[in-house]
């Protein structure tokens, strides 16, 4: 069986150059910033927890909460240790009531073997996304972010990402932030490198707000 393609830094740089040749607006980003960061994350429970924390809040807020969680549970929170925390402890860390429920459900599902994250790399994009979305609290956006940054799929596109849509408005000189559907229509021109285009757009979004560093870090 042929495994799904996985982005590397070298492949990402090649794809960014190709996209810049195909799209004048992405070429502007490429000339200003160069190839975007890979922004790879480790596979597993801790990253999915971090993605849950990122739902509908700023990256800075989610990052701060995740750091507080690691201060309590250690650098690599496990499902077992996470489930020892009370609701009040999790609220103090920065989890909302809904995110507490989602995170506990995730931890329990992993412990009970309802999902095996180690099997995801061998699955095609849609199958891997569907497997993740079996988990309560993991919707299309969260699943796509996992595919994009953990599984490093080259054509993943988180269509509901507000930063991405905002960057699309700016880069494509649109009168308003496009709908997720319209954003997806625009992004179709960038196949099979939509995940690379997304990184280029995020780089533009962060740069415009003074939040992007040349090493790819987010302030």
Protein backbone atom coordinates (compact mmCIF):
# COMPACT_ATOMS: atom_id res chain seq x y z
CA UNK A 1 0.00 0.00 0.00
CA UNK A 2 1.28 3.47 -0.91
CA UNK A 3 1.34 5.78 2.09
CA UNK A 4 -0.15 9.28 1.77
CA UNK A 5 2.40 11.93 0.81
CA UNK A 6 3.95 13.83 3.71
CA UNK A 7 5.42 17.33 3.61
CA UNK A 8 9.06 17.86 4.46
CA UNK A 9 10.79 21.22 4.65
CA UNK A 10 12.41 20.57 1.27
CA UNK A 11 9.12 19.62 -0.38
CA UNK A 12 7.39 22.61 1.22
CA UNK A 13 10.00 24.98 -0.25
CA UNK A 14 9.58 23.45 -3.70
CA UNK A 15 5.79 23.70 -3.46
CA UNK A 16 5.89 27.33 -2.24
CA UNK A 17 8.07 28.27 -5.20
CA UNK A 18 5.68 26.48 -7.57
CA UNK A 19 2.65 28.27 -6.07
CA UNK A 20 4.43 31.60 -6.43
CA UNK A 21 4.89 30.86 -10.14
CA UNK A 22 1.22 30.00 -10.53
CA UNK A 23 -0.35 32.81 -8.46
CA UNK A 24 0.81 36.43 -8.54
CA UNK A 25 -0.70 37.17 -5.12
CA UNK A 26 1.14 34.28 -3.46
CA UNK A 27 4.25 35.43 -5.30
CA UNK A 28 4.08 38.70 -3.34
CA UNK A 29 4.14 36.75 -0.07
CA UNK A 30 6.95 34.53 -1.34
CA UNK A 31 9.11 37.51 -2.29
CA UNK A 32 8.51 39.18 1.08
CA UNK A 33 8.77 36.20 3.44
CA UNK A 34 10.13 33.30 1.43
CA UNK A 35 8.94 29.74 2.01
CA UNK A 36 6.67 29.46 5.05
CA UNK A 37 7.53 27.46 8.18
CA UNK A 38 6.56 23.80 8.30
CA UNK A 39 4.91 24.36 11.70
CA UNK A 40 5.00 20.64 12.43
CA UNK A 41 3.55 19.34 15.70
CA UNK A 42 4.10 15.99 17.43
CA UNK A 43 1.45 13.34 17.03
CA UNK A 44 -0.74 12.32 19.92
CA UNK A 45 -3.02 13.28 22.76
CA UNK A 46 -1.19 16.43 23.88
CA UNK A 47 -1.39 18.06 20.46
CA UNK A 48 -5.07 17.24 20.13
CA UNK A 49 -5.60 18.85 23.54
CA UNK A 50 -3.79 21.96 22.32
CA UNK A 51 -5.96 22.05 19.18
CA UNK A 52 -9.11 21.81 21.33
CA UNK A 53 -7.84 24.76 23.37
CA UNK A 54 -7.32 26.71 20.13
CA UNK A 55 -10.95 26.36 19.06
CA UNK A 56 -12.56 29.83 18.74
CA UNK A 57 -9.86 31.66 20.75
CA UNK A 58 -6.60 33.38 19.90
CA UNK A 59 -3.45 31.30 19.47
CA UNK A 60 -1.82 33.28 22.28
CA UNK A 61 -4.64 32.47 24.71
CA UNK A 62 -4.57 28.77 23.83
CA UNK A 63 -0.78 28.67 24.06
CA UNK A 64 -0.86 30.21 27.54
CA UNK A 65 -3.45 27.69 28.74
CA UNK A 66 -1.48 24.80 27.27
CA UNK A 67 1.67 25.99 29.05
CA UNK A 68 -0.25 26.11 32.33
CA UNK A 69 -1.45 22.56 31.70
CA UNK A 70 2.12 21.36 31.10
CA UNK A 71 3.24 23.11 34.27
CA UNK A 72 0.80 20.85 36.13
CA UNK A 73 1.12 17.59 34.17
CA UNK A 74 4.62 17.80 32.71
CA UNK A 75 5.87 18.39 29.18
CA UNK A 76 3.89 15.52 27.68
CA UNK A 77 0.39 15.29 29.22
CA UNK A 78 -1.08 11.80 29.00
CA UNK A 79 -4.75 10.75 29.02
CA UNK A 80 -4.28 9.03 32.37
CA UNK A 81 -2.81 12.09 34.09
CA UNK A 82 -5.24 14.47 32.44
CA UNK A 83 -8.22 12.57 33.87
CA UNK A 84 -6.88 13.08 37.41
CA UNK A 85 -7.58 16.83 37.18
CA UNK A 86 -10.83 18.18 38.58
CA UNK A 87 -13.16 20.49 36.73
CA UNK A 88 -12.07 23.40 38.92
CA UNK A 89 -8.41 22.71 38.24
CA UNK A 90 -9.05 22.63 34.49
CA UNK A 91 -11.07 25.86 34.63
CA UNK A 92 -8.19 27.54 36.45
CA UNK A 93 -5.86 26.39 33.66
CA UNK A 94 -8.13 27.91 31.04
CA UNK A 95 -10.51 25.17 29.88
CA UNK A 96 -14.13 26.16 29.35
CA UNK A 97 -16.83 23.76 30.53
CA UNK A 98 -17.32 22.56 26.94
CA UNK A 99 -13.61 22.05 26.35
CA UNK A 100 -13.33 20.10 29.61
CA UNK A 101 -16.00 17.73 28.29
CA UNK A 102 -14.32 17.42 24.89
CA UNK A 103 -10.88 16.81 26.40
CA UNK A 104 -12.09 14.23 28.90
CA UNK A 105 -13.97 12.45 26.12
CA UNK A 106 -10.77 12.41 24.04
CA UNK A 107 -8.71 11.02 26.93
CA UNK A 108 -11.29 8.32 27.66
CA UNK A 109 -11.60 7.35 23.99
CA UNK A 110 -7.84 6.87 23.72
CA UNK A 111 -7.67 4.82 26.91
CA UNK A 112 -10.56 2.61 25.77
CA UNK A 113 -9.05 2.10 22.32
CA UNK A 114 -11.93 3.75 20.48
CA UNK A 115 -9.39 5.51 18.28
CA UNK A 116 -5.77 4.71 17.52
CA UNK A 117 -3.87 7.84 16.53
CA UNK A 118 -0.88 5.72 15.44
CA UNK A 119 -2.95 4.33 12.55
CA UNK A 120 -3.80 7.73 11.06
CA UNK A 121 -0.57 8.20 9.03
CA UNK A 122 -1.47 5.17 6.90
CA UNK A 123 -4.96 6.49 6.03
CA UNK A 124 -5.90 8.71 3.07
CA UNK A 125 -6.85 12.29 3.96
CA UNK A 126 -10.62 11.86 4.07
CA UNK A 127 -10.43 8.61 6.02
CA UNK A 128 -8.04 10.11 8.59
CA UNK A 129 -10.27 13.17 8.93
CA UNK A 130 -13.38 10.99 9.37
CA UNK A 131 -11.63 8.92 12.05
CA UNK A 132 -10.73 12.03 14.04
CA UNK A 133 -14.24 13.45 13.70
CA UNK A 134 -15.69 10.39 15.41
CA UNK A 135 -14.48 12.07 18.60
CA UNK A 136 -16.91 14.51 20.19
CA UNK A 137 -15.39 17.98 20.05
CA UNK A 138 -13.18 17.26 17.03
CA UNK A 139 -14.94 18.93 14.11
CA UNK A 140 -13.75 19.62 10.55
CA UNK A 141 -11.44 22.49 11.55
CA UNK A 142 -9.68 20.54 14.33
CA UNK A 143 -9.31 17.46 12.14
CA UNK A 144 -7.87 19.49 9.25
CA UNK A 145 -5.36 21.20 11.56
CA UNK A 146 -4.21 17.77 12.77
CA UNK A 147 -3.84 16.58 9.18
CA UNK A 148 -2.02 19.76 8.18
CA UNK A 149 0.41 20.17 11.09
CA UNK A 150 0.79 16.65 12.51
CA UNK A 151 0.27 14.29 9.56
CA UNK A 152 1.78 16.99 7.30
CA UNK A 153 -0.63 16.32 4.46
CA UNK A 154 0.20 18.65 1.53
CA UNK A 155 -3.38 19.35 0.42
CA UNK A 156 -5.20 19.82 3.74
CA UNK A 157 -7.30 23.00 3.87
CA UNK A 158 -9.01 24.12 7.14
CA UNK A 159 -11.85 25.92 5.37
CA UNK A 160 -13.36 27.49 8.52
CA UNK A 161 -10.12 29.05 9.78
CA UNK A 162 -10.82 32.76 10.34
CA UNK A 163 -7.16 33.85 10.09
CA UNK A 164 -6.90 32.03 6.77
CA UNK A 165 -10.05 33.66 5.42
CA UNK A 166 -8.90 37.09 6.65
CA UNK A 167 -5.57 36.63 4.90
CA UNK A 168 -7.41 35.59 1.74
CA UNK A 169 -9.37 38.83 1.82
CA UNK A 170 -6.18 40.86 2.12
CA UNK A 171 -4.08 38.93 -0.37
CA UNK A 172 -6.82 38.64 -3.00
CA UNK A 173 -8.04 42.23 -2.41
CA UNK A 174 -11.60 41.12 -1.69
CA UNK A 175 -14.22 43.58 -0.36
CA UNK A 176 -14.95 41.39 2.68
CA UNK A 177 -13.79 38.22 4.42
CA UNK A 178 -14.94 35.40 2.12
CA UNK A 179 -17.24 32.62 3.25
CA UNK A 180 -15.61 29.24 3.89
CA UNK A 181 -17.18 28.00 0.65
CA UNK A 182 -15.78 30.92 -1.35
CA UNK A 183 -12.40 30.43 0.30
CA UNK A 184 -12.45 26.79 -0.72
CA UNK A 185 -13.27 27.76 -4.30
CA UNK A 186 -10.26 30.09 -4.41
CA UNK A 187 -8.01 27.48 -2.78
CA UNK A 188 -9.01 24.84 -5.34
CA UNK A 189 -6.61 26.55 -7.76
CA UNK A 190 -3.73 25.65 -5.43
CA UNK A 191 -4.24 21.88 -5.42
CA UNK A 192 -2.37 19.68 -4.61
CA UNK A 193 -0.52 22.15 -2.35
CA UNK A 194 -3.35 23.81 -0.43
CA UNK A 195 -1.63 23.12 2.91
CA UNK A 196 1.42 25.00 1.64
CA UNK A 197 -0.77 27.90 0.48
CA UNK A 198 -2.40 27.92 3.92
CA UNK A 199 1.02 28.27 5.56
CA UNK A 200 1.89 31.12 3.20
CA UNK A 201 -1.38 32.90 4.06
CA UNK A 202 -0.88 32.37 7.81
CA UNK A 203 2.63 33.82 7.49
CA UNK A 204 1.15 36.87 5.78
CA UNK A 205 -1.57 37.19 8.44
CA UNK A 206 0.96 37.04 11.30
CA UNK A 207 3.45 39.32 9.59
CA UNK A 208 0.81 42.01 9.08
CA UNK A 209 0.09 41.90 12.82
CA UNK A 210 3.73 41.87 13.89
CA UNK A 211 3.43 38.33 15.27
CA UNK A 212 5.71 36.46 12.90
CA UNK A 213 9.44 35.92 13.38
CA UNK A 214 11.85 34.89 10.66
CA UNK A 215 12.46 31.52 12.36
CA UNK A 216 8.76 30.75 12.01
CA UNK A 217 7.94 31.32 15.66
CA UNK A 218 4.68 32.98 16.62
CA UNK A 219 5.05 35.68 19.24
